[in-house]
Protein backbone atom coordinates (compact mmCIF):
# COMPACT_ATOMS: atom_id res chain seq x y z
CA MET A 1 -0.07 -0.10 -0.03
CA ASP A 2 1.57 3.27 -0.76
CA ILE A 3 -0.31 5.53 1.62
CA SER A 4 -2.07 5.86 5.09
CA VAL A 5 -3.68 8.79 6.09
CA ILE A 6 -4.32 9.49 9.56
CA VAL A 7 -7.05 11.55 10.73
CA PRO A 8 -7.77 12.58 14.30
CA LEU A 9 -10.85 14.27 15.03
CA TYR A 10 -13.17 15.31 17.79
CA ASN A 11 -16.71 16.98 17.04
CA GLU A 12 -15.91 17.07 13.28
CA ALA A 13 -19.45 15.48 11.67
CA GLU A 14 -19.57 18.30 9.09
CA SER A 15 -16.19 18.39 7.64
CA LEU A 16 -15.77 14.50 7.03
CA PRO A 17 -17.61 13.88 4.11
CA GLU A 18 -16.07 17.05 2.16
CA LEU A 19 -12.85 15.42 3.31
CA GLU A 20 -13.07 12.02 2.65
CA ALA A 21 -14.48 12.82 -0.93
CA TRP A 22 -11.11 15.42 -1.39
CA ILE A 23 -8.81 12.83 -0.11
CA ARG A 24 -10.51 10.27 -2.56
CA ARG A 25 -10.03 12.48 -5.57
CA VAL A 26 -6.40 13.33 -4.77
CA MET A 27 -6.00 9.51 -4.35
CA GLU A 28 -7.55 8.17 -7.55
CA ALA A 29 -6.31 11.25 -9.48
CA ASN A 30 -2.68 9.82 -8.57
CA ASN A 31 -3.15 6.33 -8.75
CA PHE A 32 -2.30 5.93 -5.45
CA SER A 33 -3.37 2.80 -3.24
CA TYR A 34 -4.18 4.10 0.18
CA GLU A 35 -6.59 4.16 3.40
CA ILE A 36 -8.02 6.45 5.37
CA ILE A 37 -7.87 5.82 9.01
CA PHE A 38 -10.14 8.12 11.04
CA ILE A 39 -9.49 8.20 15.02
CA ASN A 40 -12.76 9.56 16.61
CA ASP A 41 -11.41 10.67 19.80
CA GLY A 42 -14.50 10.48 21.99
CA SER A 43 -16.94 12.70 19.65
CA THR A 44 -20.16 14.05 21.25
CA ASP A 45 -21.79 14.84 17.90
CA GLU A 46 -22.57 12.56 15.12
CA SER A 47 -19.03 11.89 14.04
CA TRP A 48 -18.97 8.25 14.50
CA GLU A 49 -22.01 7.39 12.51
CA VAL A 50 -20.58 9.47 9.68
CA ILE A 51 -17.48 7.73 9.58
CA LYS A 52 -19.36 4.21 9.24
CA SER A 53 -21.69 5.76 6.27
CA LEU A 54 -18.13 6.79 4.67
CA LYS A 55 -17.36 3.31 4.81
CA GLU A 56 -20.29 1.80 3.36
CA LYS A 57 -19.39 4.21 0.33
CA ASN A 58 -15.47 3.78 0.19
CA SER A 59 -13.77 0.37 1.12
CA ASN A 60 -10.47 2.17 1.74
CA VAL A 61 -11.86 3.94 4.85
CA LYS A 62 -11.23 2.60 8.04
CA GLY A 63 -12.33 3.84 11.67
CA VAL A 64 -11.40 3.78 15.44
CA CYS A 65 -13.64 5.10 18.16
CA PHE A 66 -12.47 6.11 21.66
CA ARG A 67 -14.96 5.86 24.40
CA ARG A 68 -13.92 9.03 25.70
CA ASN A 69 -11.71 12.13 24.81
CA TYR A 70 -8.20 11.40 25.48
CA GLY A 71 -6.27 13.90 23.38
CA LYS A 72 -4.56 14.27 20.05
CA SER A 73 -1.51 12.01 21.14
CA PRO A 74 -3.42 8.77 21.70
CA ALA A 75 -5.55 9.29 18.91
CA LEU A 76 -2.24 9.92 16.57
CA ASN A 77 -0.15 6.81 18.48
CA THR A 78 -3.34 4.36 17.72
CA GLY A 79 -3.54 5.39 14.01
CA PHE A 80 0.41 4.77 13.73
CA ALA A 81 -0.12 1.13 15.24
CA ARG A 82 -2.56 0.53 12.40
CA ALA A 83 -1.36 2.54 9.64
CA LYS A 84 -0.10 0.08 6.88
CA GLY A 85 1.52 2.24 3.94
CA ASP A 86 4.53 2.62 3.11
CA VAL A 87 4.16 6.52 3.56
CA VAL A 88 2.12 7.57 6.39
CA ILE A 89 0.19 11.27 6.21
CA THR A 90 -1.31 13.25 9.30
CA MET A 91 -4.00 15.77 9.02
CA ASP A 92 -6.53 17.45 10.70
CA ALA A 93 -10.44 17.12 9.97
CA ASP A 94 -11.47 20.40 10.14
CA LEU A 95 -10.35 21.18 6.08
CA GLN A 96 -7.83 23.67 7.24
CA ASP A 97 -4.94 21.23 5.83
CA SER A 98 -5.37 20.64 1.90
CA PRO A 99 -5.32 17.07 0.75
CA ASP A 100 -3.69 18.41 -2.44
CA GLU A 101 -0.51 18.75 -0.61
CA ILE A 102 -0.35 15.06 -0.21
CA PRO A 103 1.42 13.74 -3.72
CA GLU A 104 4.39 16.21 -2.91
CA LEU A 105 4.63 15.06 0.35
CA TYR A 106 4.64 11.58 -0.84
CA ARG A 107 7.46 12.39 -3.37
CA MET A 108 9.60 14.18 -0.78
CA ILE A 109 9.73 10.70 1.15
CA LYS A 110 9.97 8.52 -1.48
CA GLU A 111 12.28 10.41 -3.82
CA ASP A 112 14.18 13.05 -1.79
CA GLY A 113 14.66 10.63 1.01
CA TYR A 114 13.25 12.34 3.74
CA ASP A 115 12.37 10.39 7.11
CA LEU A 116 9.65 13.19 7.78
CA VAL A 117 8.51 16.14 6.16
CA SER A 118 6.46 18.56 8.29
CA GLY A 119 4.04 21.28 6.74
CA TRP A 120 4.54 25.02 7.26
CA LYS A 121 1.23 27.17 7.13
CA GLN A 122 3.50 30.10 6.23
CA LYS A 123 0.15 32.00 5.65
CA ARG A 124 -2.19 31.49 8.31
CA TYR A 125 -5.86 32.33 8.55
CA ASP A 126 -5.63 32.78 12.50
CA PRO A 127 -5.94 35.56 15.11
CA LEU A 128 -2.91 37.31 16.57
CA SER A 129 -4.01 35.45 19.96
CA LYS A 130 -2.88 32.31 18.25
CA THR A 131 -0.21 33.36 15.70
CA ILE A 132 2.11 35.36 17.88
CA PRO A 133 2.29 32.57 20.69
CA THR A 134 2.92 30.02 18.18
CA LYS A 135 5.84 31.88 16.91
CA LEU A 136 7.31 32.20 20.29
CA PHE A 137 6.93 28.41 20.78
CA ASN A 138 8.29 27.21 17.61
CA ALA A 139 11.19 29.13 17.99
CA THR A 140 11.81 27.77 21.60
CA ALA A 141 11.23 24.57 20.28
CA ARG A 142 13.83 24.93 17.18
CA LYS A 143 16.45 26.10 19.65
CA VAL A 144 15.78 23.59 22.23
CA SER A 145 15.86 20.29 19.79
CA GLY A 146 18.51 21.55 17.46
CA ILE A 147 16.14 21.23 14.15
CA LYS A 148 17.22 24.52 13.07
CA ASN A 149 14.88 24.17 9.58
CA LEU A 150 11.39 23.83 10.95
CA HIS A 151 9.28 26.68 11.12
CA ASP A 152 5.94 25.19 12.46
CA PHE A 153 6.28 21.97 14.88
CA ASN A 154 2.86 21.74 15.64
CA CYS A 155 1.07 21.72 11.97
CA GLY A 156 -1.07 18.74 11.55
CA LEU A 157 -0.07 18.16 8.08
CA LYS A 158 2.85 15.73 8.36
CA ALA A 159 4.36 12.92 5.99
CA TYR A 160 6.32 10.07 7.36
CA ARG A 161 8.47 7.17 6.25
CA GLN A 162 6.78 3.93 7.83
CA LYS A 163 9.26 2.79 9.73
CA VAL A 164 9.35 6.20 11.86
CA VAL A 165 5.68 6.11 12.84
CA LYS A 166 6.23 2.35 14.36
CA ARG A 167 9.19 3.23 16.48
CA ILE A 168 8.24 6.42 18.07
CA GLU A 169 5.42 6.44 20.80
CA VAL A 170 3.41 9.55 21.05
CA TYR A 171 1.69 9.95 24.59
CA GLY A 172 0.12 12.71 26.63
CA ASP A 173 0.90 15.85 24.45
CA MET A 174 4.03 15.01 22.50
CA HIS A 175 2.16 15.24 19.25
CA ARG A 176 3.85 19.02 19.11
CA TYR A 177 7.23 17.44 19.22
CA ILE A 178 7.10 14.51 16.86
CA PRO A 179 9.75 15.53 14.69
CA TYR A 180 12.08 15.87 18.18
CA LEU A 181 10.76 12.52 19.03
CA ALA A 182 11.84 11.30 15.46
CA LYS A 183 15.39 12.44 16.12
CA ASN A 184 15.71 11.37 19.19
CA ALA A 185 15.04 7.91 17.56
CA GLY A 186 17.80 8.33 15.14
CA PHE A 187 15.69 9.86 12.20
CA THR A 188 17.44 13.04 11.11
CA ARG A 189 16.38 13.29 7.82
CA ILE A 190 13.70 15.89 8.56
CA GLY A 191 12.28 18.17 5.98
CA GLU A 192 9.62 21.08 5.60
CA LYS A 193 7.41 21.84 3.14
CA VAL A 194 5.50 25.18 2.79
CA VAL A 195 1.75 23.93 2.71
CA GLN A 196 -1.72 25.83 2.35
CA HIS A 197 -3.66 26.84 5.41
CA GLN A 198 -7.53 27.52 4.62
CA ALA A 199 -9.93 28.99 7.03
CA ARG A 200 -12.19 26.77 9.14
CA LYS A 201 -15.29 25.98 7.50
CA TYR A 202 -16.98 23.94 9.87
CA GLY A 203 -17.22 24.16 13.93
CA LYS A 204 -14.93 25.95 16.42
CA THR A 205 -11.08 25.80 17.03
CA LYS A 206 -10.20 23.42 19.86
CA PHE A 207 -7.27 25.76 20.58
CA GLY A 208 -6.33 27.11 24.29
CA LEU A 209 -3.66 29.44 25.71
CA ASP A 210 -3.33 26.63 28.33
CA ARG A 211 -1.64 24.48 25.83
CA PHE A 212 1.35 26.62 25.55
CA VAL A 213 1.93 26.68 29.37
CA ASN A 214 1.75 22.47 29.00
CA GLY A 215 3.74 22.63 25.54
CA TYR A 216 6.91 24.11 27.39
CA LEU A 217 6.65 21.34 30.17
CA ASP A 218 6.33 18.73 27.28
CA LEU A 219 9.38 20.31 25.79
CA ALA A 220 11.16 20.31 28.93
CA THR A 221 10.83 16.33 29.47
CA LEU A 222 11.79 15.84 26.02
CA TRP A 223 14.91 17.85 26.35
CA PHE A 224 15.84 15.63 29.75
CA SER A 225 15.11 12.64 28.51
CA ALA A 226 17.03 12.86 25.54
CA LYS A 227 19.87 14.48 27.29
CA PHE A 228 19.84 12.34 30.47
CA GLY A 229 17.02 9.78 29.96
CA ILE A 230 19.43 6.88 30.38
CA LYS A 231 22.23 8.72 32.61
CA PRO A 232 20.25 10.49 34.77
CA MET A 233 23.57 10.58 37.37
CA HIS A 234 25.49 12.62 34.94
CA LEU A 235 22.92 15.67 35.75
CA PHE A 236 21.80 14.78 39.44
CA GLY A 237 25.30 13.52 40.55
CA LEU A 238 27.26 16.49 38.98
CA LEU A 239 24.65 18.89 40.56
CA GLY A 240 24.49 17.40 44.01
CA SER A 241 28.20 16.81 44.39
CA LEU A 242 28.75 20.74 43.27
CA MET A 243 26.59 21.76 45.75
CA PHE A 244 27.30 19.71 48.55
CA ILE A 245 31.41 20.69 47.96
CA LEU A 246 29.85 24.15 47.83
CA GLY A 247 28.18 24.05 50.95
CA PHE A 248 30.81 22.15 52.96
CA ILE A 249 33.69 24.81 51.81
CA ALA A 250 30.70 27.38 52.98
CA ALA A 251 30.85 25.60 56.16
CA ILE A 252 34.36 25.42 57.05
CA VAL A 253 34.70 29.22 55.92
CA VAL A 254 32.33 30.09 58.74
CA GLY A 255 33.75 27.61 61.44
CA ALA A 256 37.37 28.95 60.42
CA THR A 257 36.43 32.54 60.52
CA LYS A 258 35.04 32.23 64.14
CA LEU A 259 38.37 30.48 65.36
CA TYR A 260 40.42 32.91 63.95
CA ASN A 261 38.36 35.71 65.97
CA MET A 262 38.45 33.51 69.08
CA TYR A 263 42.43 33.29 68.99
CA SER A 264 43.08 36.59 67.48
CA GLY A 265 40.74 38.51 70.39
CA ASN A 266 38.20 39.80 68.11
CA PRO A 267 34.37 39.58 68.81
CA TYR A 268 33.12 36.82 67.79
CA SER A 269 29.26 35.40 67.92
CA LEU A 270 28.03 31.58 68.00
CA VAL A 271 28.41 29.67 64.48
CA THR A 272 24.86 28.76 64.40
CA ASP A 273 23.98 33.11 64.51
CA SER A 274 25.52 33.29 60.98
CA PRO A 275 22.84 32.93 58.21
CA TYR A 276 25.77 31.69 56.24
CA PHE A 277 25.85 28.39 58.27
CA TYR A 278 22.32 27.81 57.39
CA LEU A 279 22.93 28.62 53.79
CA SER A 280 25.87 26.02 53.81
CA LEU A 281 23.95 23.42 55.66
CA THR A 282 20.93 23.95 53.17
CA LEU A 283 23.27 23.39 50.06
CA MET A 284 24.93 20.41 51.76
CA ILE A 285 21.20 18.66 52.32
CA LEU A 286 20.39 19.57 48.89
CA GLY A 287 23.33 18.47 47.22
CA ALA A 288 23.06 15.00 48.65
CA GLN A 289 19.29 14.74 47.92
CA PHE A 290 20.33 15.43 44.40
CA PHE A 291 23.38 12.94 44.26
CA LEU A 292 20.60 10.59 45.74
CA THR A 293 18.04 10.98 43.21
CA GLY A 294 20.64 10.67 40.37
CA PHE A 295 21.42 7.21 42.06
CA LEU A 296 17.92 6.01 42.55
CA GLY A 297 17.32 6.98 38.71
CA GLU A 298 20.45 5.11 37.67
CA LEU A 299 18.82 2.02 39.41
CA ILE A 300 15.73 2.55 37.48
CA VAL A 301 17.41 2.96 34.35
CA ARG A 302 19.26 -0.30 35.05
CA ASN A 303 15.99 -2.29 35.60
CA SER A 304 14.42 -1.10 32.51
CA HIS A 305 13.73 -3.27 29.83
CA ARG A 306 14.65 -0.76 27.44
CA ARG A 307 17.93 0.21 28.77
CA ASN A 308 19.58 -1.91 25.40
CA ASP A 309 16.72 -0.91 23.09
CA TYR A 310 19.17 1.03 20.61
CA GLU A 311 17.96 2.04 16.59
CA ILE A 312 19.51 -0.56 14.14
CA GLU A 313 19.62 0.35 10.89
CA GLU A 314 21.02 -2.09 8.76
CA GLU A 315 23.12 -5.37 9.88
CA ILE A 316 25.35 -7.53 7.84
CA THR A 317 25.57 -11.14 9.23
CA ALA A 318 27.72 -14.27 8.18
CA GLU A 319 26.12 -16.79 5.60
């Protein structure tokens, strides 16, 4: 099969018939073998009934219906697990992503050799309350991930080589960072394509400003996992050791200062009267806690079944 199109959706019943017909026209015009996998994320409207009616008209339509709303990441992960196409395309169900982009995305994967191609909605039909935070979000994501050539990490329209979606796990709200997940899994051939962004035709946006707060927290999680996920002692042990040593040196300085004043006949006070004593003690306690955190992290990693799960591209063995 050439292409799997995965469409996560939540309360998009009005747009589904038009989207399915549009995808079908593009596929038939290019002689692609394909499947459309609709992931109904606990919709409360008639979305699932519409999907079942589309299946009756088009045998290439498939669907999964969640019992409740889980979010876009679980929906995509479920679709990835079921995708059979050589190239996997993801797009939103609100008709803001154009299926006419599919042939070029397919070509970039198959002919240009990309592992992943992300869409870039260079011209957007969104209010400033959405576009400005989006620009800040993408600038931060580029800096942290090291993927300098992407302008729109969260664009729903993306294309993947099949082995990419089978090797990454999208959970929580990590769909915003799929290129970063792919990079961490060893798929570094990541490209970008300017795509057409269309104004929403039906329904209302699911956009909320809270996603930016959660998005930065998720980005911090991915950064830590990529840098120290299998070697937490390198971070916590180093920080803990430095803090403990600084605290210990500070405590010695406080004690030595008192002894010097005592034997020199200078006025002196109890060590516990000095705020620096408590600062040094706090540093030593925090340092010990950080060190133990890294030690416990190493024990957890050591007992993980994925501790030796390495990405192998090819292998040559003896006959």
